[in-house]
Amino acid sequence: MSKLIKFYIILICLILFVAIYGHYNFEINRTHSLPLGIYHINSSNIIQRNNIVVFCPPYNEFLKYAKKKGYFGTLELVCDNNTPKYMKKAVGLPGDDIYISLSGVYINKRKIKNSEPYEKILSDKIFQNYSKHIKLKDKEYFLMSDYNQLSFDSRYFGIVKEEKILYKVFPLFTY
């Protein structure tokens, strides 16, 4: 039996368990930006470095372009800007100094693993000015995946304001 089939069997069992034995707030990650699985929704609104958050991305030229190019895939478009919710790590916090370059993303001069840009995306005209320096202001976050280099995240669509963050999540069961 393939790993993916095993994953879906376990996932269905966990969902049934939750449905039968009580209300449980959870989010299911079906993308490869973070480990696949079930994440518990945490009610705390204090965001610390490397917390995983669910958010609506800023709708700008990059998101319009991503939608046109089909980068959303089969994700459900649930945000008020007709985009999918995203789940990423908060790698950059208010006050952080961020440098984005072809060699990767640096937060306060420390390189984030798996942060090199995806060449296919960079080959698109919209990303001609990829390298940039950002100083995060109050209530601004840099959200990305250090798990998978192919993630579509703040490297491309930019900073995320605190009001766009829906909630924090913690891995409950990942595969």
N, C-alpha and C. Protein backbone atom coordinates (compact mmCIF):
# COMPACT_ATOMS: atom_id res chain seq x y z
N MET A 1 0.85 -1.17 0.00
CA MET A 1 0.00 0.00 0.00
C MET A 1 0.91 1.25 0.00
N SER A 2 0.57 2.21 -0.84
CA SER A 2 1.42 3.41 -0.94
C SER A 2 1.30 4.27 0.32
N LYS A 3 2.31 5.09 0.52
CA LYS A 3 2.33 5.98 1.68
C LYS A 3 1.15 6.94 1.66
N LEU A 4 0.79 7.42 0.47
CA LEU A 4 -0.30 8.37 0.36
C LEU A 4 -1.64 7.73 0.74
N ILE A 5 -1.86 6.50 0.34
CA ILE A 5 -3.10 5.80 0.71
C ILE A 5 -3.15 5.58 2.21
N LYS A 6 -2.03 5.18 2.80
CA LYS A 6 -1.98 5.02 4.26
C LYS A 6 -2.28 6.33 4.96
N PHE A 7 -1.71 7.40 4.43
CA PHE A 7 -1.96 8.72 5.02
C PHE A 7 -3.46 9.04 5.02
N TYR A 8 -4.12 8.84 3.88
CA TYR A 8 -5.54 9.17 3.79
C TYR A 8 -6.40 8.27 4.68
N ILE A 9 -6.02 7.03 4.85
CA ILE A 9 -6.76 6.14 5.75
C ILE A 9 -6.64 6.64 7.18
N ILE A 10 -5.43 6.99 7.59
CA ILE A 10 -5.22 7.52 8.95
C ILE A 10 -5.95 8.85 9.12
N LEU A 11 -5.90 9.68 8.11
CA LEU A 11 -6.57 10.98 8.16
C LEU A 11 -8.08 10.82 8.33
N ILE A 12 -8.67 9.92 7.58
CA ILE A 12 -10.12 9.67 7.69
C ILE A 12 -10.47 9.14 9.08
N CYS A 13 -9.65 8.24 9.60
CA CYS A 13 -9.89 7.70 10.94
C CYS A 13 -9.84 8.80 12.00
N LEU A 14 -8.85 9.69 11.89
CA LEU A 14 -8.74 10.79 12.85
C LEU A 14 -9.93 11.73 12.75
N ILE A 15 -10.36 12.03 11.55
CA ILE A 15 -11.52 12.91 11.37
C ILE A 15 -12.78 12.27 11.95
N LEU A 16 -12.95 10.98 11.72
CA LEU A 16 -14.11 10.27 12.30
C LEU A 16 -14.04 10.28 13.82
N PHE A 17 -12.86 10.08 14.38
CA PHE A 17 -12.69 10.10 15.83
C PHE A 17 -13.12 11.45 16.39
N VAL A 18 -12.65 12.51 15.74
CA VAL A 18 -12.99 13.85 16.19
C VAL A 18 -14.49 14.09 16.07
N ALA A 19 -15.08 13.67 14.96
CA ALA A 19 -16.52 13.87 14.75
C ALA A 19 -17.35 13.11 15.78
N ILE A 20 -16.92 11.93 16.17
CA ILE A 20 -17.69 11.11 17.10
C ILE A 20 -17.50 11.55 18.54
N TYR A 21 -16.27 11.88 18.92
CA TYR A 21 -15.96 12.12 20.33
C TYR A 21 -15.87 13.60 20.73
N GLY A 22 -16.34 14.46 19.90
CA GLY A 22 -16.41 15.84 20.34
C GLY A 22 -15.88 16.84 19.34
N HIS A 23 -16.16 18.08 19.62
CA HIS A 23 -15.76 19.17 18.75
C HIS A 23 -14.26 19.43 18.94
N TYR A 24 -13.55 19.49 17.87
CA TYR A 24 -12.12 19.73 17.93
C TYR A 24 -11.78 20.69 16.80
N ASN A 25 -11.19 21.78 17.10
CA ASN A 25 -10.82 22.75 16.07
C ASN A 25 -9.54 22.31 15.38
N PHE A 26 -9.63 22.05 14.09
CA PHE A 26 -8.44 21.62 13.36
C PHE A 26 -8.45 22.13 11.94
N GLU A 27 -7.30 22.15 11.35
CA GLU A 27 -7.08 22.56 9.97
C GLU A 27 -6.34 21.41 9.30
N ILE A 28 -6.73 21.05 8.10
CA ILE A 28 -6.06 19.98 7.37
C ILE A 28 -5.16 20.61 6.31
N ASN A 29 -3.89 20.24 6.33
CA ASN A 29 -2.96 20.71 5.31
C ASN A 29 -2.83 19.65 4.24
N ARG A 30 -3.18 20.04 2.99
CA ARG A 30 -3.09 19.12 1.85
C ARG A 30 -2.05 19.58 0.84
N THR A 31 -1.26 20.60 1.19
CA THR A 31 -0.23 21.07 0.27
C THR A 31 1.14 20.65 0.80
N HIS A 32 2.14 20.78 -0.04
CA HIS A 32 3.48 20.32 0.35
C HIS A 32 4.37 21.43 0.91
N SER A 33 3.78 22.59 1.22
CA SER A 33 4.57 23.66 1.83
C SER A 33 5.01 23.30 3.24
N LEU A 34 4.18 22.53 3.92
CA LEU A 34 4.45 22.02 5.27
C LEU A 34 4.08 20.54 5.26
N PRO A 35 4.46 19.79 6.29
CA PRO A 35 4.07 18.38 6.30
C PRO A 35 2.55 18.21 6.19
N LEU A 36 2.13 17.26 5.37
CA LEU A 36 0.71 16.95 5.24
C LEU A 36 0.16 16.50 6.58
N GLY A 37 -1.09 16.80 6.86
CA GLY A 37 -1.66 16.31 8.10
C GLY A 37 -2.70 17.20 8.71
N ILE A 38 -2.96 16.93 9.98
CA ILE A 38 -3.97 17.65 10.75
C ILE A 38 -3.26 18.56 11.74
N TYR A 39 -3.69 19.81 11.78
CA TYR A 39 -3.11 20.81 12.66
C TYR A 39 -4.20 21.34 13.59
N HIS A 40 -3.88 21.42 14.87
CA HIS A 40 -4.80 21.94 15.88
C HIS A 40 -4.81 23.46 15.84
N ILE A 41 -5.99 24.06 15.83
CA ILE A 41 -6.11 25.51 15.85
C ILE A 41 -5.93 25.99 17.28
N ASN A 42 -5.01 26.92 17.46
CA ASN A 42 -4.71 27.47 18.77
C ASN A 42 -5.36 28.85 18.89
N SER A 43 -6.00 29.11 20.00
CA SER A 43 -6.74 30.37 20.17
C SER A 43 -5.85 31.56 20.53
N SER A 44 -4.60 31.32 20.86
CA SER A 44 -3.70 32.43 21.22
C SER A 44 -3.42 33.29 20.00
N ASN A 45 -3.43 34.60 20.20
CA ASN A 45 -3.13 35.48 19.08
C ASN A 45 -1.73 36.08 19.16
N ILE A 46 -0.91 35.57 20.05
CA ILE A 46 0.48 36.01 20.16
C ILE A 46 1.33 35.17 19.22
N ILE A 47 1.92 35.83 18.23
CA ILE A 47 2.69 35.12 17.21
C ILE A 47 4.16 35.24 17.53
N GLN A 48 4.82 34.09 17.65
CA GLN A 48 6.25 34.04 17.91
C GLN A 48 6.95 33.43 16.70
N ARG A 49 8.26 33.59 16.66
CA ARG A 49 9.04 33.06 15.54
C ARG A 49 8.81 31.56 15.38
N ASN A 50 8.62 31.16 14.15
CA ASN A 50 8.40 29.78 13.72
C ASN A 50 7.04 29.21 14.09
N ASN A 51 6.13 30.03 14.66
CA ASN A 51 4.75 29.58 14.80
C ASN A 51 4.18 29.36 13.41
N ILE A 52 3.32 28.39 13.27
CA ILE A 52 2.64 28.16 12.00
C ILE A 52 1.31 28.89 12.07
N VAL A 53 1.02 29.69 11.04
CA VAL A 53 -0.21 30.47 11.02
C VAL A 53 -0.99 30.19 9.73
N VAL A 54 -2.30 30.39 9.83
CA VAL A 54 -3.19 30.31 8.67
C VAL A 54 -3.62 31.75 8.39
N PHE A 55 -3.57 32.16 7.14
CA PHE A 55 -3.82 33.56 6.81
C PHE A 55 -4.36 33.72 5.40
N CYS A 56 -4.89 34.89 5.14
CA CYS A 56 -5.27 35.29 3.79
C CYS A 56 -4.16 36.18 3.27
N PRO A 57 -3.58 35.83 2.14
CA PRO A 57 -2.44 36.61 1.63
C PRO A 57 -2.89 37.97 1.10
N PRO A 58 -1.95 38.91 1.01
CA PRO A 58 -2.30 40.21 0.43
C PRO A 58 -2.60 40.03 -1.05
N TYR A 59 -3.68 40.62 -1.50
CA TYR A 59 -4.04 40.47 -2.91
C TYR A 59 -3.36 41.59 -3.69
N ASN A 60 -2.27 41.25 -4.34
CA ASN A 60 -1.50 42.22 -5.09
C ASN A 60 -1.21 41.66 -6.48
N GLU A 61 -0.35 42.32 -7.22
CA GLU A 61 -0.06 41.89 -8.59
C GLU A 61 0.46 40.45 -8.65
N PHE A 62 1.18 40.02 -7.61
CA PHE A 62 1.73 38.67 -7.61
C PHE A 62 0.64 37.62 -7.42
N LEU A 63 -0.33 37.90 -6.56
CA LEU A 63 -1.43 36.94 -6.35
C LEU A 63 -2.34 36.90 -7.57
N LYS A 64 -2.57 38.04 -8.19
CA LYS A 64 -3.37 38.06 -9.42
C LYS A 64 -2.69 37.20 -10.48
N TYR A 65 -1.38 37.36 -10.58
CA TYR A 65 -0.59 36.61 -11.55
C TYR A 65 -0.63 35.11 -11.21
N ALA A 66 -0.47 34.78 -9.93
CA ALA A 66 -0.48 33.38 -9.49
C ALA A 66 -1.82 32.73 -9.83
N LYS A 67 -2.89 33.47 -9.61
CA LYS A 67 -4.22 32.93 -9.93
C LYS A 67 -4.35 32.65 -11.43
N LYS A 68 -3.89 33.62 -12.23
CA LYS A 68 -3.95 33.48 -13.68
C LYS A 68 -3.13 32.28 -14.16
N LYS A 69 -1.95 32.07 -13.54
CA LYS A 69 -1.07 30.97 -13.94
C LYS A 69 -1.49 29.61 -13.37
N GLY A 70 -2.50 29.59 -12.48
CA GLY A 70 -2.97 28.33 -11.93
C GLY A 70 -2.19 27.84 -10.73
N TYR A 71 -1.44 28.73 -10.05
CA TYR A 71 -0.65 28.32 -8.89
C TYR A 71 -1.54 27.89 -7.72
N PHE A 72 -2.80 28.29 -7.70
CA PHE A 72 -3.69 27.91 -6.60
C PHE A 72 -4.14 26.46 -6.72
N GLY A 73 -4.01 25.90 -7.93
CA GLY A 73 -4.41 24.51 -8.14
C GLY A 73 -5.87 24.30 -7.78
N THR A 74 -6.12 23.27 -6.98
CA THR A 74 -7.49 22.93 -6.61
C THR A 74 -7.86 23.45 -5.23
N LEU A 75 -7.06 24.36 -4.68
CA LEU A 75 -7.34 24.89 -3.35
C LEU A 75 -8.64 25.70 -3.37
N GLU A 76 -9.40 25.58 -2.30
CA GLU A 76 -10.65 26.31 -2.17
C GLU A 76 -10.36 27.80 -1.94
N LEU A 77 -11.03 28.66 -2.69
CA LEU A 77 -10.81 30.10 -2.60
C LEU A 77 -11.75 30.68 -1.54
N VAL A 78 -11.25 30.81 -0.32
CA VAL A 78 -12.12 31.17 0.81
C VAL A 78 -11.89 32.57 1.36
N CYS A 79 -10.81 33.22 1.01
CA CYS A 79 -10.52 34.55 1.54
C CYS A 79 -11.36 35.59 0.82
N ASP A 80 -11.55 36.73 1.46
CA ASP A 80 -12.38 37.78 0.88
C ASP A 80 -11.81 38.31 -0.44
N ASN A 81 -10.55 38.06 -0.72
CA ASN A 81 -9.94 38.49 -1.98
C ASN A 81 -9.95 37.37 -3.02
N ASN A 82 -10.77 36.35 -2.79
CA ASN A 82 -10.93 35.23 -3.70
C ASN A 82 -9.63 34.46 -3.94
N THR A 83 -8.90 34.24 -2.83
CA THR A 83 -7.68 33.44 -2.84
C THR A 83 -7.83 32.34 -1.80
N PRO A 84 -6.98 31.33 -1.86
CA PRO A 84 -7.03 30.29 -0.81
C PRO A 84 -6.40 30.79 0.48
N LYS A 85 -6.75 30.15 1.60
CA LYS A 85 -6.02 30.37 2.84
C LYS A 85 -4.65 29.72 2.67
N TYR A 86 -3.67 30.30 3.30
CA TYR A 86 -2.34 29.73 3.27
C TYR A 86 -1.94 29.34 4.69
N MET A 87 -1.04 28.37 4.81
CA MET A 87 -0.49 27.93 6.09
C MET A 87 1.03 27.97 5.96
N LYS A 88 1.67 28.85 6.73
CA LYS A 88 3.13 29.02 6.65
C LYS A 88 3.69 29.32 8.03
N LYS A 89 5.01 29.26 8.12
CA LYS A 89 5.70 29.63 9.36
C LYS A 89 5.92 31.14 9.41
N ALA A 90 5.84 31.69 10.60
CA ALA A 90 6.18 33.10 10.82
C ALA A 90 7.70 33.16 11.04
N VAL A 91 8.45 33.34 9.96
CA VAL A 91 9.91 33.37 10.07
C VAL A 91 10.43 34.78 10.31
N GLY A 92 9.64 35.78 9.93
CA GLY A 92 10.01 37.17 10.15
C GLY A 92 8.97 37.88 10.99
N LEU A 93 9.41 38.54 12.07
CA LEU A 93 8.53 39.22 13.02
C LEU A 93 8.75 40.73 12.97
N PRO A 94 7.81 41.51 13.53
CA PRO A 94 8.00 42.96 13.55
C PRO A 94 9.39 43.35 14.07
N GLY A 95 10.02 44.27 13.34
CA GLY A 95 11.36 44.73 13.70
C GLY A 95 12.48 43.98 13.00
N ASP A 96 12.18 42.82 12.41
CA ASP A 96 13.22 42.03 11.74
C ASP A 96 13.69 42.69 10.46
N ASP A 97 14.95 42.44 10.14
CA ASP A 97 15.60 42.91 8.93
C ASP A 97 15.65 41.73 7.97
N ILE A 98 15.03 41.86 6.80
CA ILE A 98 14.93 40.76 5.86
C ILE A 98 15.59 41.14 4.55
N TYR A 99 16.43 40.22 4.07
CA TYR A 99 17.07 40.41 2.78
C TYR A 99 16.73 39.20 1.92
N ILE A 100 16.11 39.47 0.77
CA ILE A 100 15.70 38.41 -0.16
C ILE A 100 16.61 38.50 -1.38
N SER A 101 17.28 37.38 -1.68
CA SER A 101 18.20 37.38 -2.83
C SER A 101 18.10 36.03 -3.55
N LEU A 102 18.82 35.92 -4.63
CA LEU A 102 18.83 34.67 -5.39
C LEU A 102 19.48 33.54 -4.60
N SER A 103 20.26 33.87 -3.58
CA SER A 103 20.89 32.82 -2.77
C SER A 103 20.00 32.39 -1.60
N GLY A 104 18.90 33.10 -1.36
CA GLY A 104 17.98 32.73 -0.29
C GLY A 104 17.48 33.93 0.49
N VAL A 105 16.75 33.62 1.56
CA VAL A 105 16.19 34.65 2.43
C VAL A 105 17.01 34.69 3.71
N TYR A 106 17.35 35.91 4.12
CA TYR A 106 18.13 36.13 5.34
C TYR A 106 17.29 36.97 6.31
N ILE A 107 17.09 36.46 7.51
CA ILE A 107 16.38 37.19 8.55
C ILE A 107 17.43 37.58 9.59
N ASN A 108 17.60 38.87 9.79
CA ASN A 108 18.63 39.38 10.71
C ASN A 108 19.99 38.72 10.44
N LYS A 109 20.33 38.64 9.15
CA LYS A 109 21.61 38.10 8.64
C LYS A 109 21.74 36.59 8.77
N ARG A 110 20.68 35.88 9.17
CA ARG A 110 20.70 34.41 9.25
C ARG A 110 19.89 33.82 8.12
N LYS A 111 20.53 32.94 7.34
CA LYS A 111 19.84 32.35 6.19
C LYS A 111 18.79 31.33 6.65
N ILE A 112 17.62 31.40 6.02
CA ILE A 112 16.54 30.45 6.28
C ILE A 112 16.74 29.26 5.34
N LYS A 113 16.70 28.05 5.88
CA LYS A 113 16.90 26.86 5.03
C LYS A 113 15.79 26.75 3.99
N ASN A 114 16.13 26.16 2.87
CA ASN A 114 15.21 25.96 1.74
C ASN A 114 14.57 27.26 1.26
N SER A 115 15.30 28.37 1.34
CA SER A 115 14.70 29.66 0.99
C SER A 115 15.14 30.18 -0.39
N GLU A 116 15.90 29.39 -1.12
CA GLU A 116 16.29 29.81 -2.46
C GLU A 116 15.03 29.87 -3.33
N PRO A 117 14.96 30.83 -4.24
CA PRO A 117 13.75 30.96 -5.06
C PRO A 117 13.61 29.80 -6.05
N TYR A 118 12.37 29.51 -6.36
CA TYR A 118 12.03 28.47 -7.32
C TYR A 118 12.28 29.03 -8.73
N GLU A 119 13.18 28.40 -9.47
CA GLU A 119 13.61 28.93 -10.77
C GLU A 119 12.47 29.12 -11.75
N LYS A 120 11.49 28.21 -11.76
CA LYS A 120 10.38 28.34 -12.70
C LYS A 120 9.60 29.63 -12.44
N ILE A 121 9.38 29.95 -11.18
CA ILE A 121 8.66 31.17 -10.86
C ILE A 121 9.50 32.39 -11.24
N LEU A 122 10.78 32.34 -10.96
CA LEU A 122 11.65 33.48 -11.26
C LEU A 122 11.77 33.73 -12.76
N SER A 123 11.55 32.71 -13.57
CA SER A 123 11.64 32.89 -15.02
C SER A 123 10.47 33.72 -15.55
N ASP A 124 9.41 33.87 -14.76
CA ASP A 124 8.28 34.70 -15.18
C ASP A 124 8.65 36.18 -15.07
N LYS A 125 8.19 36.98 -16.00
CA LYS A 125 8.54 38.40 -16.07
C LYS A 125 8.18 39.17 -14.81
N ILE A 126 7.13 38.79 -14.13
CA ILE A 126 6.65 39.55 -12.98
C ILE A 126 7.68 39.58 -11.83
N PHE A 127 8.61 38.64 -11.83
CA PHE A 127 9.59 38.56 -10.75
C PHE A 127 10.97 39.09 -11.16
N GLN A 128 11.02 40.05 -12.05
CA GLN A 128 12.30 40.57 -12.51
C GLN A 128 13.10 41.23 -11.39
N ASN A 129 12.44 41.87 -10.46
CA ASN A 129 13.13 42.54 -9.35
C ASN A 129 12.98 41.72 -8.09
N TYR A 130 13.50 40.53 -8.09
CA TYR A 130 13.30 39.60 -6.97
C TYR A 130 14.05 40.04 -5.72
N SER A 131 15.30 40.46 -5.85
CA SER A 131 16.11 40.81 -4.67
C SER A 131 15.59 42.08 -4.03
N LYS A 132 15.44 42.04 -2.69
CA LYS A 132 14.97 43.23 -1.98
C LYS A 132 15.34 43.17 -0.51
N HIS A 133 15.29 44.33 0.10
CA HIS A 133 15.56 44.47 1.53
C HIS A 133 14.29 45.01 2.18
N ILE A 134 13.86 44.39 3.28
CA ILE A 134 12.64 44.79 3.97
C ILE A 134 12.92 44.90 5.47
N LYS A 135 12.44 45.95 6.07
CA LYS A 135 12.47 46.10 7.53
C LYS A 135 11.00 46.00 7.97
N LEU A 136 10.65 44.93 8.69
CA LEU A 136 9.26 44.73 9.09
C LEU A 136 8.83 45.75 10.13
N LYS A 137 7.67 46.33 9.90
CA LYS A 137 7.10 47.31 10.82
C LYS A 137 6.21 46.57 11.83
N ASP A 138 5.66 47.33 12.75
CA ASP A 138 4.74 46.78 13.74
C ASP A 138 3.58 46.08 13.03
N LYS A 139 3.23 44.90 13.49
CA LYS A 139 2.11 44.10 12.96
C LYS A 139 2.32 43.62 11.53
N GLU A 140 3.59 43.47 11.12
CA GLU A 140 3.92 42.90 9.81
C GLU A 140 4.73 41.62 10.01
N TYR A 141 4.45 40.63 9.15
CA TYR A 141 5.09 39.32 9.28
C TYR A 141 5.58 38.84 7.91
N PHE A 142 6.67 38.10 7.94
CA PHE A 142 7.19 37.44 6.75
C PHE A 142 6.91 35.96 6.94
N LEU A 143 6.02 35.42 6.11
CA LEU A 143 5.52 34.06 6.28
C LEU A 143 5.99 33.20 5.12
N MET A 144 6.66 32.09 5.44
CA MET A 144 7.16 31.21 4.38
C MET A 144 7.38 29.80 4.91
N SER A 145 7.66 28.91 4.01
CA SER A 145 7.98 27.54 4.36
C SER A 145 9.49 27.34 4.29
N ASP A 146 10.05 26.82 5.37
CA ASP A 146 11.45 26.38 5.30
C ASP A 146 11.49 24.87 5.11
N TYR A 147 10.33 24.28 4.91
CA TYR A 147 10.17 22.84 4.72
C TYR A 147 10.30 22.46 3.24
N ASN A 148 9.78 23.32 2.36
CA ASN A 148 9.76 23.02 0.94
C ASN A 148 10.10 24.27 0.14
N GLN A 149 11.14 24.21 -0.63
CA GLN A 149 11.60 25.33 -1.44
C GLN A 149 10.55 25.78 -2.46
N LEU A 150 9.62 24.90 -2.84
CA LEU A 150 8.64 25.21 -3.87
C LEU A 150 7.42 25.96 -3.35
N SER A 151 7.42 26.32 -2.08
CA SER A 151 6.30 27.03 -1.47
C SER A 151 6.10 28.40 -2.12
N PHE A 152 4.84 28.78 -2.31
CA PHE A 152 4.51 30.12 -2.79
C PHE A 152 4.18 30.94 -1.55
N ASP A 153 5.06 31.87 -1.18
CA ASP A 153 4.96 32.52 0.12
C ASP A 153 5.44 33.96 0.06
N SER A 154 5.80 34.54 1.22
CA SER A 154 6.19 35.95 1.30
C SER A 154 7.39 36.30 0.43
N ARG A 155 8.16 35.32 0.00
CA ARG A 155 9.25 35.61 -0.93
C ARG A 155 8.70 36.20 -2.21
N TYR A 156 7.47 35.83 -2.54
CA TYR A 156 6.85 36.24 -3.79
C TYR A 156 5.75 37.29 -3.60
N PHE A 157 4.81 37.04 -2.66
CA PHE A 157 3.70 37.99 -2.51
C PHE A 157 3.92 39.04 -1.44
N GLY A 158 5.00 38.96 -0.70
CA GLY A 158 5.35 40.03 0.24
C GLY A 158 4.89 39.81 1.67
N ILE A 159 5.00 40.88 2.45
CA ILE A 159 4.68 40.80 3.87
C ILE A 159 3.18 40.62 4.08
N VAL A 160 2.84 40.10 5.25
CA VAL A 160 1.44 39.88 5.61
C VAL A 160 1.16 40.70 6.87
N LYS A 161 0.12 41.49 6.82
CA LYS A 161 -0.29 42.30 7.97
C LYS A 161 -1.01 41.42 8.98
N GLU A 162 -0.88 41.77 10.25
CA GLU A 162 -1.46 40.98 11.34
C GLU A 162 -2.95 40.72 11.16
N GLU A 163 -3.70 41.70 10.64
CA GLU A 163 -5.15 41.51 10.50
C GLU A 163 -5.53 40.44 9.47
N LYS A 164 -4.57 40.03 8.63
CA LYS A 164 -4.82 38.97 7.64
C LYS A 164 -4.53 37.58 8.20
N ILE A 165 -3.95 37.52 9.41
CA ILE A 165 -3.66 36.23 10.03
C ILE A 165 -4.93 35.77 10.75
N LEU A 166 -5.41 34.59 10.38
CA LEU A 166 -6.66 34.08 10.92
C LEU A 166 -6.47 33.39 12.28
N TYR A 167 -5.43 32.54 12.38
CA TYR A 167 -5.15 31.83 13.62
C TYR A 167 -3.83 31.08 13.51
N LYS A 168 -3.33 30.67 14.68
CA LYS A 168 -2.13 29.83 14.75
C LYS A 168 -2.57 28.37 14.76
N VAL A 169 -1.69 27.50 14.29
CA VAL A 169 -1.95 26.06 14.34
C VAL A 169 -0.69 25.34 14.82
N PHE A 170 -0.90 24.16 15.40
CA PHE A 170 0.20 23.31 15.82
C PHE A 170 -0.04 21.91 15.25
N PRO A 171 1.01 21.23 14.80
CA PRO A 171 0.83 19.89 14.24
C PRO A 171 0.21 18.94 15.26
N LEU A 172 -0.84 18.26 14.85
CA LEU A 172 -1.48 17.25 15.66
C LEU A 172 -1.06 15.87 15.14
N PHE A 173 -1.21 15.70 13.85
CA PHE A 173 -0.78 14.46 13.16
C PHE A 173 -0.28 14.86 11.79
N THR A 174 0.99 14.61 11.52
CA THR A 174 1.55 14.93 10.20
C THR A 174 2.19 13.70 9.60
N TYR A 175 2.29 13.74 8.31
CA TYR A 175 2.80 12.59 7.57
C TYR A 175 3.88 13.04 6.63
